mmCIF file of all heavy atoms, coordinates in Angstrom:
data_MODEL
# 
_entry.id   MODEL 
# 
loop_
_atom_site.group_PDB 
_atom_site.id 
_atom_site.type_symbol 
_atom_site.label_atom_id 
_atom_site.label_alt_id 
_atom_site.label_comp_id 
_atom_site.label_asym_id 
_atom_site.label_entity_id 
_atom_site.label_seq_id 
_atom_site.pdbx_PDB_ins_code 
_atom_site.Cartn_x 
_atom_site.Cartn_y 
_atom_site.Cartn_z 
_atom_site.occupancy 
_atom_site.B_iso_or_equiv 
_atom_site.pdbx_formal_charge 
_atom_site.auth_seq_id 
_atom_site.auth_comp_id 
_atom_site.auth_asym_id 
_atom_site.auth_atom_id 
_atom_site.pdbx_PDB_model_num 
ATOM 1   N N   . GLU A 1 1  ? 0.850  -1.144  0.012   1.00 0.00 ? 1  GLU A N   1 
ATOM 2   C CA  . GLU A 1 1  ? -0.008 0.019   -0.032  1.00 0.00 ? 1  GLU A CA  1 
ATOM 3   C C   . GLU A 1 1  ? 0.992  1.276   0.036   1.00 0.00 ? 1  GLU A C   1 
ATOM 4   O O   . GLU A 1 1  ? 2.065  1.149   0.039   1.00 0.00 ? 1  GLU A O   1 
ATOM 5   C CB  . GLU A 1 1  ? -0.914 0.020   1.170   1.00 0.00 ? 1  GLU A CB  1 
ATOM 6   C CG  . GLU A 1 1  ? -0.184 0.079   2.587   1.00 0.00 ? 1  GLU A CG  1 
ATOM 7   C CD  . GLU A 1 1  ? -1.037 0.089   3.775   1.00 0.00 ? 1  GLU A CD  1 
ATOM 8   O OE1 . GLU A 1 1  ? -1.649 1.177   4.116   1.00 0.00 ? 1  GLU A OE1 1 
ATOM 9   O OE2 . GLU A 1 1  ? -1.434 -0.956  4.325   1.00 0.00 ? 1  GLU A OE2 1 
ATOM 10  N N   . LYS A 1 2  ? 0.269  2.412   -0.107  1.00 0.00 ? 2  LYS A N   1 
ATOM 11  C CA  . LYS A 1 2  ? 1.079  3.710   -0.115  1.00 0.00 ? 2  LYS A CA  1 
ATOM 12  C C   . LYS A 1 2  ? 1.989  3.720   1.077   1.00 0.00 ? 2  LYS A C   1 
ATOM 13  O O   . LYS A 1 2  ? 1.554  3.592   2.152   1.00 0.00 ? 2  LYS A O   1 
ATOM 14  C CB  . LYS A 1 2  ? 0.216  4.823   -0.084  1.00 0.00 ? 2  LYS A CB  1 
ATOM 15  C CG  . LYS A 1 2  ? 0.884  6.233   -0.261  1.00 0.00 ? 2  LYS A CG  1 
ATOM 16  C CD  . LYS A 1 2  ? -0.042 7.420   -0.316  1.00 0.00 ? 2  LYS A CD  1 
ATOM 17  C CE  . LYS A 1 2  ? 0.670  8.651   -0.405  1.00 0.00 ? 2  LYS A CE  1 
ATOM 18  N NZ  . LYS A 1 2  ? -0.261 9.898   -0.396  1.00 0.00 ? 2  LYS A NZ  1 
ATOM 19  N N   . PRO A 1 3  ? 3.361  3.825   0.859   1.00 0.00 ? 3  PRO A N   1 
ATOM 20  C CA  . PRO A 1 3  ? 4.344  3.539   1.976   1.00 0.00 ? 3  PRO A CA  1 
ATOM 21  C C   . PRO A 1 3  ? 4.525  4.875   2.767   1.00 0.00 ? 3  PRO A C   1 
ATOM 22  O O   . PRO A 1 3  ? 5.496  5.515   2.611   1.00 0.00 ? 3  PRO A O   1 
ATOM 23  C CB  . PRO A 1 3  ? 5.546  3.197   1.201   1.00 0.00 ? 3  PRO A CB  1 
ATOM 24  C CG  . PRO A 1 3  ? 5.437  3.816   -0.180  1.00 0.00 ? 3  PRO A CG  1 
ATOM 25  C CD  . PRO A 1 3  ? 3.963  3.834   -0.514  1.00 0.00 ? 3  PRO A CD  1 
ATOM 26  N N   . TYR A 1 4  ? 3.670  5.076   3.712   1.00 0.00 ? 4  TYR A N   1 
ATOM 27  C CA  . TYR A 1 4  ? 3.643  6.156   4.583   1.00 0.00 ? 4  TYR A CA  1 
ATOM 28  C C   . TYR A 1 4  ? 4.790  6.147   5.579   1.00 0.00 ? 4  TYR A C   1 
ATOM 29  O O   . TYR A 1 4  ? 5.080  7.057   6.341   1.00 0.00 ? 4  TYR A O   1 
ATOM 30  C CB  . TYR A 1 4  ? 2.305  6.369   5.372   1.00 0.00 ? 4  TYR A CB  1 
ATOM 31  C CG  . TYR A 1 4  ? 1.877  5.124   5.987   1.00 0.00 ? 4  TYR A CG  1 
ATOM 32  C CD1 . TYR A 1 4  ? 2.328  4.950   7.360   1.00 0.00 ? 4  TYR A CD1 1 
ATOM 33  C CD2 . TYR A 1 4  ? 1.112  4.178   5.432   1.00 0.00 ? 4  TYR A CD2 1 
ATOM 34  C CE1 . TYR A 1 4  ? 1.957  3.744   8.060   1.00 0.00 ? 4  TYR A CE1 1 
ATOM 35  C CE2 . TYR A 1 4  ? 0.686  3.074   6.172   1.00 0.00 ? 4  TYR A CE2 1 
ATOM 36  C CZ  . TYR A 1 4  ? 1.128  2.820   7.439   1.00 0.00 ? 4  TYR A CZ  1 
ATOM 37  O OH  . TYR A 1 4  ? 0.820  1.714   8.151   1.00 0.00 ? 4  TYR A OH  1 
ATOM 38  N N   . TRP A 1 5  ? 5.456  5.013   5.734   1.00 0.00 ? 5  TRP A N   1 
ATOM 39  C CA  . TRP A 1 5  ? 6.529  4.836   6.719   1.00 0.00 ? 5  TRP A CA  1 
ATOM 40  C C   . TRP A 1 5  ? 7.908  4.992   6.306   1.00 0.00 ? 5  TRP A C   1 
ATOM 41  O O   . TRP A 1 5  ? 8.854  4.763   6.990   1.00 0.00 ? 5  TRP A O   1 
ATOM 42  C CB  . TRP A 1 5  ? 6.401  3.286   7.266   1.00 0.00 ? 5  TRP A CB  1 
ATOM 43  C CG  . TRP A 1 5  ? 6.646  2.310   6.064   1.00 0.00 ? 5  TRP A CG  1 
ATOM 44  C CD1 . TRP A 1 5  ? 7.844  1.824   5.602   1.00 0.00 ? 5  TRP A CD1 1 
ATOM 45  C CD2 . TRP A 1 5  ? 5.629  1.916   5.190   1.00 0.00 ? 5  TRP A CD2 1 
ATOM 46  N NE1 . TRP A 1 5  ? 7.472  1.032   4.589   1.00 0.00 ? 5  TRP A NE1 1 
ATOM 47  C CE2 . TRP A 1 5  ? 6.198  0.999   4.253   1.00 0.00 ? 5  TRP A CE2 1 
ATOM 48  C CE3 . TRP A 1 5  ? 4.161  2.035   5.250   1.00 0.00 ? 5  TRP A CE3 1 
ATOM 49  C CZ2 . TRP A 1 5  ? 5.501  0.379   3.181   1.00 0.00 ? 5  TRP A CZ2 1 
ATOM 50  C CZ3 . TRP A 1 5  ? 3.354  1.301   4.171   1.00 0.00 ? 5  TRP A CZ3 1 
ATOM 51  C CH2 . TRP A 1 5  ? 4.108  0.535   3.211   1.00 0.00 ? 5  TRP A CH2 1 
ATOM 52  N N   . LEU A 1 6  ? 8.077  5.498   5.049   1.00 0.00 ? 6  LEU A N   1 
ATOM 53  C CA  . LEU A 1 6  ? 9.443  5.593   4.498   1.00 0.00 ? 6  LEU A CA  1 
ATOM 54  C C   . LEU A 1 6  ? 10.313 6.562   5.186   1.00 0.00 ? 6  LEU A C   1 
ATOM 55  O O   . LEU A 1 6  ? 11.549 6.352   5.164   1.00 0.00 ? 6  LEU A O   1 
ATOM 56  C CB  . LEU A 1 6  ? 9.261  5.927   3.048   1.00 0.00 ? 6  LEU A CB  1 
ATOM 57  C CG  . LEU A 1 6  ? 8.759  4.863   2.113   1.00 0.00 ? 6  LEU A CG  1 
ATOM 58  C CD1 . LEU A 1 6  ? 8.897  5.251   0.608   1.00 0.00 ? 6  LEU A CD1 1 
ATOM 59  C CD2 . LEU A 1 6  ? 9.554  3.552   2.270   1.00 0.00 ? 6  LEU A CD2 1 
ATOM 60  N N   . LYS A 1 7  ? 9.837  7.518   5.796   1.00 0.00 ? 7  LYS A N   1 
ATOM 61  C CA  . LYS A 1 7  ? 10.724 8.569   6.537   1.00 0.00 ? 7  LYS A CA  1 
ATOM 62  C C   . LYS A 1 7  ? 11.444 7.857   7.521   1.00 0.00 ? 7  LYS A C   1 
ATOM 63  O O   . LYS A 1 7  ? 12.659 8.064   7.747   1.00 0.00 ? 7  LYS A O   1 
ATOM 64  C CB  . LYS A 1 7  ? 9.870  9.771   7.069   1.00 0.00 ? 7  LYS A CB  1 
ATOM 65  C CG  . LYS A 1 7  ? 10.778 10.760  7.729   1.00 0.00 ? 7  LYS A CG  1 
ATOM 66  C CD  . LYS A 1 7  ? 9.966  11.987  8.127   1.00 0.00 ? 7  LYS A CD  1 
ATOM 67  C CE  . LYS A 1 7  ? 10.908 13.003  8.775   1.00 0.00 ? 7  LYS A CE  1 
ATOM 68  N NZ  . LYS A 1 7  ? 10.116 14.198  9.243   1.00 0.00 ? 7  LYS A NZ  1 
ATOM 69  N N   . GLU A 1 8  ? 10.812 6.999   8.259   1.00 0.00 ? 8  GLU A N   1 
ATOM 70  C CA  . GLU A 1 8  ? 11.469 6.216   9.419   1.00 0.00 ? 8  GLU A CA  1 
ATOM 71  C C   . GLU A 1 8  ? 12.334 5.088   8.795   1.00 0.00 ? 8  GLU A C   1 
ATOM 72  O O   . GLU A 1 8  ? 13.406 4.864   9.307   1.00 0.00 ? 8  GLU A O   1 
ATOM 73  C CB  . GLU A 1 8  ? 10.365 5.589   10.269  1.00 0.00 ? 8  GLU A CB  1 
ATOM 74  C CG  . GLU A 1 8  ? 10.915 4.670   11.360  1.00 0.00 ? 8  GLU A CG  1 
ATOM 75  C CD  . GLU A 1 8  ? 9.830  4.056   12.223  1.00 0.00 ? 8  GLU A CD  1 
ATOM 76  O OE1 . GLU A 1 8  ? 8.751  4.626   12.180  1.00 0.00 ? 8  GLU A OE1 1 
ATOM 77  O OE2 . GLU A 1 8  ? 10.190 3.081   12.930  1.00 0.00 ? 8  GLU A OE2 1 
ATOM 78  N N   . ALA A 1 9  ? 11.907 4.508   7.701   1.00 0.00 ? 9  ALA A N   1 
ATOM 79  C CA  . ALA A 1 9  ? 12.645 3.400   7.039   1.00 0.00 ? 9  ALA A CA  1 
ATOM 80  C C   . ALA A 1 9  ? 14.054 3.876   6.581   1.00 0.00 ? 9  ALA A C   1 
ATOM 81  O O   . ALA A 1 9  ? 15.029 3.217   6.519   1.00 0.00 ? 9  ALA A O   1 
ATOM 82  C CB  . ALA A 1 9  ? 11.936 2.792   5.915   1.00 0.00 ? 9  ALA A CB  1 
ATOM 83  N N   . TYR A 1 10 ? 14.003 5.169   6.129   1.00 0.00 ? 10 TYR A N   1 
ATOM 84  C CA  . TYR A 1 10 ? 15.368 5.819   5.486   1.00 0.00 ? 10 TYR A CA  1 
ATOM 85  C C   . TYR A 1 10 ? 15.960 6.684   6.566   1.00 0.00 ? 10 TYR A C   1 
ATOM 86  O O   . TYR A 1 10 ? 16.686 7.650   6.027   1.00 0.00 ? 10 TYR A O   1 
ATOM 87  C CB  . TYR A 1 10 ? 14.868 6.519   4.099   1.00 0.00 ? 10 TYR A CB  1 
ATOM 88  C CG  . TYR A 1 10 ? 14.733 5.529   3.075   1.00 0.00 ? 10 TYR A CG  1 
ATOM 89  C CD1 . TYR A 1 10 ? 13.407 5.304   2.682   1.00 0.00 ? 10 TYR A CD1 1 
ATOM 90  C CD2 . TYR A 1 10 ? 15.800 4.990   2.480   1.00 0.00 ? 10 TYR A CD2 1 
ATOM 91  C CE1 . TYR A 1 10 ? 13.143 4.366   1.595   1.00 0.00 ? 10 TYR A CE1 1 
ATOM 92  C CE2 . TYR A 1 10 ? 15.547 4.119   1.405   1.00 0.00 ? 10 TYR A CE2 1 
ATOM 93  C CZ  . TYR A 1 10 ? 14.186 3.754   0.918   1.00 0.00 ? 10 TYR A CZ  1 
ATOM 94  O OH  . TYR A 1 10 ? 14.014 2.939   -0.032  1.00 0.00 ? 10 TYR A OH  1 
ATOM 95  N N   . ASN A 1 11 ? 15.865 6.481   7.780   1.00 0.00 ? 11 ASN A N   1 
ATOM 96  C CA  . ASN A 1 11 ? 16.718 7.194   8.734   1.00 0.00 ? 11 ASN A CA  1 
ATOM 97  C C   . ASN A 1 11 ? 18.140 7.198   8.336   1.00 0.00 ? 11 ASN A C   1 
ATOM 98  O O   . ASN A 1 11 ? 18.988 8.046   8.518   1.00 0.00 ? 11 ASN A O   1 
ATOM 99  C CB  . ASN A 1 11 ? 16.395 6.685   10.187  1.00 0.00 ? 11 ASN A CB  1 
ATOM 100 C CG  . ASN A 1 11 ? 15.184 7.253   10.755  1.00 0.00 ? 11 ASN A CG  1 
ATOM 101 O OD1 . ASN A 1 11 ? 14.717 8.301   10.303  1.00 0.00 ? 11 ASN A OD1 1 
ATOM 102 N ND2 . ASN A 1 11 ? 14.610 6.525   11.688  1.00 0.00 ? 11 ASN A ND2 1 
ATOM 103 N N   . SER A 1 12 ? 18.483 5.992   7.812   1.00 0.00 ? 12 SER A N   1 
ATOM 104 C CA  . SER A 1 12 ? 19.834 5.722   7.216   1.00 0.00 ? 12 SER A CA  1 
ATOM 105 C C   . SER A 1 12 ? 19.595 5.269   5.761   1.00 0.00 ? 12 SER A C   1 
ATOM 106 O O   . SER A 1 12 ? 18.818 4.288   5.533   1.00 0.00 ? 12 SER A O   1 
ATOM 107 C CB  . SER A 1 12 ? 20.670 4.741   8.016   1.00 0.00 ? 12 SER A CB  1 
ATOM 108 O OG  . SER A 1 12 ? 21.836 4.385   7.303   1.00 0.00 ? 12 SER A OG  1 
ATOM 109 N N   . PRO A 1 13 ? 20.230 5.922   4.716   1.00 0.00 ? 13 PRO A N   1 
ATOM 110 C CA  . PRO A 1 13 ? 19.873 5.383   3.375   1.00 0.00 ? 13 PRO A CA  1 
ATOM 111 C C   . PRO A 1 13 ? 20.327 3.974   3.062   1.00 0.00 ? 13 PRO A C   1 
ATOM 112 O O   . PRO A 1 13 ? 19.873 3.266   2.253   1.00 0.00 ? 13 PRO A O   1 
ATOM 113 C CB  . PRO A 1 13 ? 20.722 6.448   2.453   1.00 0.00 ? 13 PRO A CB  1 
ATOM 114 C CG  . PRO A 1 13 ? 21.678 7.048   3.481   1.00 0.00 ? 13 PRO A CG  1 
ATOM 115 C CD  . PRO A 1 13 ? 21.120 7.024   4.829   1.00 0.00 ? 13 PRO A CD  1 
ATOM 116 N N   . ILE A 1 14 ? 21.473 3.565   3.745   1.00 0.00 ? 14 ILE A N   1 
ATOM 117 C CA  . ILE A 1 14 ? 21.895 2.199   3.692   1.00 0.00 ? 14 ILE A CA  1 
ATOM 118 C C   . ILE A 1 14 ? 21.430 1.514   4.951   1.00 0.00 ? 14 ILE A C   1 
ATOM 119 O O   . ILE A 1 14 ? 21.794 1.824   6.042   1.00 0.00 ? 14 ILE A O   1 
ATOM 120 C CB  . ILE A 1 14 ? 23.411 2.098   3.437   1.00 0.00 ? 14 ILE A CB  1 
ATOM 121 C CG1 . ILE A 1 14 ? 23.915 2.977   2.365   1.00 0.00 ? 14 ILE A CG1 1 
ATOM 122 C CG2 . ILE A 1 14 ? 23.714 0.637   3.328   1.00 0.00 ? 14 ILE A CG2 1 
ATOM 123 C CD1 . ILE A 1 14 ? 23.399 2.566   1.042   1.00 0.00 ? 14 ILE A CD1 1 
ATOM 124 N N   . ASN A 1 15 ? 20.492 0.590   4.767   1.00 0.00 ? 15 ASN A N   1 
ATOM 125 C CA  . ASN A 1 15 ? 19.862 -0.023  6.021   1.00 0.00 ? 15 ASN A CA  1 
ATOM 126 C C   . ASN A 1 15 ? 21.011 -0.844  6.821   1.00 0.00 ? 15 ASN A C   1 
ATOM 127 O O   . ASN A 1 15 ? 21.945 -1.421  6.373   1.00 0.00 ? 15 ASN A O   1 
ATOM 128 C CB  . ASN A 1 15 ? 18.623 -0.855  5.712   1.00 0.00 ? 15 ASN A CB  1 
ATOM 129 C CG  . ASN A 1 15 ? 18.984 -2.251  5.203   1.00 0.00 ? 15 ASN A CG  1 
ATOM 130 O OD1 . ASN A 1 15 ? 19.414 -3.111  5.879   1.00 0.00 ? 15 ASN A OD1 1 
ATOM 131 N ND2 . ASN A 1 15 ? 18.656 -2.409  3.954   1.00 0.00 ? 15 ASN A ND2 1 
ATOM 132 N N   . ILE A 1 16 ? 20.852 -0.929  8.176   1.00 0.00 ? 16 ILE A N   1 
ATOM 133 C CA  . ILE A 1 16 ? 21.827 -1.409  9.093   1.00 0.00 ? 16 ILE A CA  1 
ATOM 134 C C   . ILE A 1 16 ? 22.048 -2.876  8.859   1.00 0.00 ? 16 ILE A C   1 
ATOM 135 O O   . ILE A 1 16 ? 23.186 -3.445  9.064   1.00 0.00 ? 16 ILE A O   1 
ATOM 136 C CB  . ILE A 1 16 ? 21.431 -1.126  10.540  1.00 0.00 ? 16 ILE A CB  1 
ATOM 137 C CG1 . ILE A 1 16 ? 22.623 -1.409  11.499  1.00 0.00 ? 16 ILE A CG1 1 
ATOM 138 C CG2 . ILE A 1 16 ? 20.208 -1.948  10.948  1.00 0.00 ? 16 ILE A CG2 1 
ATOM 139 C CD1 . ILE A 1 16 ? 22.298 -1.052  12.915  1.00 0.00 ? 16 ILE A CD1 1 
ATOM 140 N N   . SER A 1 17 ? 21.085 -3.647  8.333   1.00 0.00 ? 17 SER A N   1 
ATOM 141 C CA  . SER A 1 17 ? 21.187 -5.058  8.109   1.00 0.00 ? 17 SER A CA  1 
ATOM 142 C C   . SER A 1 17 ? 21.850 -5.443  6.747   1.00 0.00 ? 17 SER A C   1 
ATOM 143 O O   . SER A 1 17 ? 21.967 -6.601  6.456   1.00 0.00 ? 17 SER A O   1 
ATOM 144 C CB  . SER A 1 17 ? 19.854 -5.765  8.225   1.00 0.00 ? 17 SER A CB  1 
ATOM 145 O OG  . SER A 1 17 ? 18.998 -5.339  7.228   1.00 0.00 ? 17 SER A OG  1 
ATOM 146 N N   . ASP A 1 18 ? 22.275 -4.398  5.996   1.00 0.00 ? 18 ASP A N   1 
ATOM 147 C CA  . ASP A 1 18 ? 22.835 -4.736  4.688   1.00 0.00 ? 18 ASP A CA  1 
ATOM 148 C C   . ASP A 1 18 ? 24.318 -5.106  4.847   1.00 0.00 ? 18 ASP A C   1 
ATOM 149 O O   . ASP A 1 18 ? 25.240 -4.296  4.552   1.00 0.00 ? 18 ASP A O   1 
ATOM 150 C CB  . ASP A 1 18 ? 22.809 -3.501  3.813   1.00 0.00 ? 18 ASP A CB  1 
ATOM 151 C CG  . ASP A 1 18 ? 23.179 -3.744  2.404   1.00 0.00 ? 18 ASP A CG  1 
ATOM 152 O OD1 . ASP A 1 18 ? 23.566 -4.972  2.205   1.00 0.00 ? 18 ASP A OD1 1 
ATOM 153 O OD2 . ASP A 1 18 ? 23.108 -2.874  1.466   1.00 0.00 ? 18 ASP A OD2 1 
ATOM 154 N N   . THR A 1 19 ? 24.577 -6.280  5.369   1.00 0.00 ? 19 THR A N   1 
ATOM 155 C CA  . THR A 1 19 ? 25.908 -6.814  5.614   1.00 0.00 ? 19 THR A CA  1 
ATOM 156 C C   . THR A 1 19 ? 26.718 -7.098  4.353   1.00 0.00 ? 19 THR A C   1 
ATOM 157 O O   . THR A 1 19 ? 27.904 -7.302  4.322   1.00 0.00 ? 19 THR A O   1 
ATOM 158 C CB  . THR A 1 19 ? 26.002 -7.960  6.590   1.00 0.00 ? 19 THR A CB  1 
ATOM 159 O OG1 . THR A 1 19 ? 25.098 -8.984  6.027   1.00 0.00 ? 19 THR A OG1 1 
ATOM 160 C CG2 . THR A 1 19 ? 25.484 -7.566  7.959   1.00 0.00 ? 19 THR A CG2 1 
ATOM 161 N N   . GLY A 1 20 ? 25.979 -7.240  3.160   1.00 0.00 ? 20 GLY A N   1 
ATOM 162 C CA  . GLY A 1 20 ? 26.533 -7.692  2.015   1.00 0.00 ? 20 GLY A CA  1 
ATOM 163 C C   . GLY A 1 20 ? 26.988 -6.548  1.034   1.00 0.00 ? 20 GLY A C   1 
ATOM 164 O O   . GLY A 1 20 ? 27.268 -6.930  -0.103  1.00 0.00 ? 20 GLY A O   1 
ATOM 165 N N   . ILE A 1 21 ? 26.958 -5.333  1.470   1.00 0.00 ? 21 ILE A N   1 
ATOM 166 C CA  . ILE A 1 21 ? 27.130 -4.223  0.615   1.00 0.00 ? 21 ILE A CA  1 
ATOM 167 C C   . ILE A 1 21 ? 28.412 -4.252  -0.205  1.00 0.00 ? 21 ILE A C   1 
ATOM 168 O O   . ILE A 1 21 ? 28.520 -4.041  -1.445  1.00 0.00 ? 21 ILE A O   1 
ATOM 169 C CB  . ILE A 1 21 ? 26.950 -2.972  1.429   1.00 0.00 ? 21 ILE A CB  1 
ATOM 170 C CG1 . ILE A 1 21 ? 27.041 -1.741  0.412   1.00 0.00 ? 21 ILE A CG1 1 
ATOM 171 C CG2 . ILE A 1 21 ? 27.967 -2.707  2.495   1.00 0.00 ? 21 ILE A CG2 1 
ATOM 172 C CD1 . ILE A 1 21 ? 26.743 -0.302  1.066   1.00 0.00 ? 21 ILE A CD1 1 
ATOM 173 N N   . ILE A 1 22 ? 29.576 -4.615  0.570   1.00 0.00 ? 22 ILE A N   1 
ATOM 174 C CA  . ILE A 1 22 ? 30.864 -4.681  -0.140  1.00 0.00 ? 22 ILE A CA  1 
ATOM 175 C C   . ILE A 1 22 ? 30.965 -5.795  -1.145  1.00 0.00 ? 22 ILE A C   1 
ATOM 176 O O   . ILE A 1 22 ? 31.455 -5.610  -2.309  1.00 0.00 ? 22 ILE A O   1 
ATOM 177 C CB  . ILE A 1 22 ? 31.972 -4.650  0.795   1.00 0.00 ? 22 ILE A CB  1 
ATOM 178 C CG1 . ILE A 1 22 ? 32.022 -3.406  1.829   1.00 0.00 ? 22 ILE A CG1 1 
ATOM 179 C CG2 . ILE A 1 22 ? 33.368 -4.800  0.180   1.00 0.00 ? 22 ILE A CG2 1 
ATOM 180 C CD1 . ILE A 1 22 ? 32.146 -2.083  1.089   1.00 0.00 ? 22 ILE A CD1 1 
ATOM 181 N N   . ASN A 1 23 ? 30.633 -6.922  -0.604  1.00 0.00 ? 23 ASN A N   1 
ATOM 182 C CA  . ASN A 1 23 ? 30.687 -8.150  -1.508  1.00 0.00 ? 23 ASN A CA  1 
ATOM 183 C C   . ASN A 1 23 ? 29.821 -7.980  -2.673  1.00 0.00 ? 23 ASN A C   1 
ATOM 184 O O   . ASN A 1 23 ? 30.168 -8.292  -3.851  1.00 0.00 ? 23 ASN A O   1 
ATOM 185 C CB  . ASN A 1 23 ? 30.203 -9.355  -0.707  1.00 0.00 ? 23 ASN A CB  1 
ATOM 186 C CG  . ASN A 1 23 ? 30.337 -10.660 -1.495  1.00 0.00 ? 23 ASN A CG  1 
ATOM 187 O OD1 . ASN A 1 23 ? 31.385 -11.098 -1.781  1.00 0.00 ? 23 ASN A OD1 1 
ATOM 188 N ND2 . ASN A 1 23 ? 29.211 -11.204 -1.809  1.00 0.00 ? 23 ASN A ND2 1 
ATOM 189 N N   . ARG A 1 24 ? 28.563 -7.415  -2.607  1.00 0.00 ? 24 ARG A N   1 
ATOM 190 C CA  . ARG A 1 24 ? 27.669 -7.269  -3.610  1.00 0.00 ? 24 ARG A CA  1 
ATOM 191 C C   . ARG A 1 24 ? 28.247 -6.227  -4.697  1.00 0.00 ? 24 ARG A C   1 
ATOM 192 O O   . ARG A 1 24 ? 28.157 -6.437  -5.840  1.00 0.00 ? 24 ARG A O   1 
ATOM 193 C CB  . ARG A 1 24 ? 26.377 -6.596  -3.166  1.00 0.00 ? 24 ARG A CB  1 
ATOM 194 C CG  . ARG A 1 24 ? 25.235 -6.526  -4.194  1.00 0.00 ? 24 ARG A CG  1 
ATOM 195 C CD  . ARG A 1 24 ? 23.935 -6.193  -3.589  1.00 0.00 ? 24 ARG A CD  1 
ATOM 196 N NE  . ARG A 1 24 ? 23.909 -4.818  -2.891  1.00 0.00 ? 24 ARG A NE  1 
ATOM 197 C CZ  . ARG A 1 24 ? 23.810 -4.667  -1.607  1.00 0.00 ? 24 ARG A CZ  1 
ATOM 198 N NH1 . ARG A 1 24 ? 23.734 -5.694  -0.783  1.00 0.00 ? 24 ARG A NH1 1 
ATOM 199 N NH2 . ARG A 1 24 ? 23.812 -3.389  -1.142  1.00 0.00 ? 24 ARG A NH2 1 
ATOM 200 N N   . ASN A 1 25 ? 28.915 -5.111  -4.227  1.00 0.00 ? 25 ASN A N   1 
ATOM 201 C CA  . ASN A 1 25 ? 29.498 -4.269  -5.228  1.00 0.00 ? 25 ASN A CA  1 
ATOM 202 C C   . ASN A 1 25 ? 30.649 -4.871  -5.930  1.00 0.00 ? 25 ASN A C   1 
ATOM 203 O O   . ASN A 1 25 ? 30.773 -4.561  -7.147  1.00 0.00 ? 25 ASN A O   1 
ATOM 204 C CB  . ASN A 1 25 ? 30.010 -2.970  -4.498  1.00 0.00 ? 25 ASN A CB  1 
ATOM 205 C CG  . ASN A 1 25 ? 28.865 -2.028  -4.239  1.00 0.00 ? 25 ASN A CG  1 
ATOM 206 O OD1 . ASN A 1 25 ? 28.577 -1.122  -5.098  1.00 0.00 ? 25 ASN A OD1 1 
ATOM 207 N ND2 . ASN A 1 25 ? 28.310 -1.953  -3.013  1.00 0.00 ? 25 ASN A ND2 1 
ATOM 208 N N   . ILE A 1 26 ? 31.423 -5.692  -5.319  1.00 0.00 ? 26 ILE A N   1 
ATOM 209 C CA  . ILE A 1 26 ? 32.517 -6.388  -6.021  1.00 0.00 ? 26 ILE A CA  1 
ATOM 210 C C   . ILE A 1 26 ? 31.993 -7.271  -7.063  1.00 0.00 ? 26 ILE A C   1 
ATOM 211 O O   . ILE A 1 26 ? 32.418 -7.319  -8.253  1.00 0.00 ? 26 ILE A O   1 
ATOM 212 C CB  . ILE A 1 26 ? 33.408 -7.086  -5.048  1.00 0.00 ? 26 ILE A CB  1 
ATOM 213 C CG1 . ILE A 1 26 ? 34.122 -6.110  -4.088  1.00 0.00 ? 26 ILE A CG1 1 
ATOM 214 C CG2 . ILE A 1 26 ? 34.363 -8.034  -5.859  1.00 0.00 ? 26 ILE A CG2 1 
ATOM 215 C CD1 . ILE A 1 26 ? 34.929 -6.749  -3.071  1.00 0.00 ? 26 ILE A CD1 1 
ATOM 216 N N   . ASN A 1 27 ? 30.935 -8.110  -6.777  1.00 0.00 ? 27 ASN A N   1 
ATOM 217 C CA  . ASN A 1 27 ? 30.288 -9.011  -7.618  1.00 0.00 ? 27 ASN A CA  1 
ATOM 218 C C   . ASN A 1 27 ? 29.749 -8.281  -8.840  1.00 0.00 ? 27 ASN A C   1 
ATOM 219 O O   . ASN A 1 27 ? 29.870 -8.724  -9.975  1.00 0.00 ? 27 ASN A O   1 
ATOM 220 C CB  . ASN A 1 27 ? 29.305 -9.825  -6.963  1.00 0.00 ? 27 ASN A CB  1 
ATOM 221 C CG  . ASN A 1 27 ? 28.701 -10.920 -7.754  1.00 0.00 ? 27 ASN A CG  1 
ATOM 222 O OD1 . ASN A 1 27 ? 29.406 -11.676 -8.368  1.00 0.00 ? 27 ASN A OD1 1 
ATOM 223 N ND2 . ASN A 1 27 ? 27.418 -10.930 -7.789  1.00 0.00 ? 27 ASN A ND2 1 
ATOM 224 N N   . PHE A 1 28 ? 28.953 -7.171  -8.563  1.00 0.00 ? 28 PHE A N   1 
ATOM 225 C CA  . PHE A 1 28 ? 28.319 -6.476  -9.592  1.00 0.00 ? 28 PHE A CA  1 
ATOM 226 C C   . PHE A 1 28 ? 29.409 -5.695  -10.578 1.00 0.00 ? 28 PHE A C   1 
ATOM 227 O O   . PHE A 1 28 ? 29.155 -5.544  -11.657 1.00 0.00 ? 28 PHE A O   1 
ATOM 228 C CB  . PHE A 1 28 ? 27.259 -5.419  -9.160  1.00 0.00 ? 28 PHE A CB  1 
ATOM 229 C CG  . PHE A 1 28 ? 26.099 -6.076  -8.607  1.00 0.00 ? 28 PHE A CG  1 
ATOM 230 C CD1 . PHE A 1 28 ? 25.398 -5.700  -7.493  1.00 0.00 ? 28 PHE A CD1 1 
ATOM 231 C CD2 . PHE A 1 28 ? 25.437 -7.173  -9.326  1.00 0.00 ? 28 PHE A CD2 1 
ATOM 232 C CE1 . PHE A 1 28 ? 24.234 -6.304  -7.071  1.00 0.00 ? 28 PHE A CE1 1 
ATOM 233 C CE2 . PHE A 1 28 ? 24.344 -7.830  -8.894  1.00 0.00 ? 28 PHE A CE2 1 
ATOM 234 C CZ  . PHE A 1 28 ? 23.656 -7.377  -7.752  1.00 0.00 ? 28 PHE A CZ  1 
# 
């Protein structure tokens, strides 16, 4: 549905649980 919660969701643009960010960038 219309995502009214996004301001809270994007308190940090990279979410804290994104542990694969470096590995993913290398792979891509």
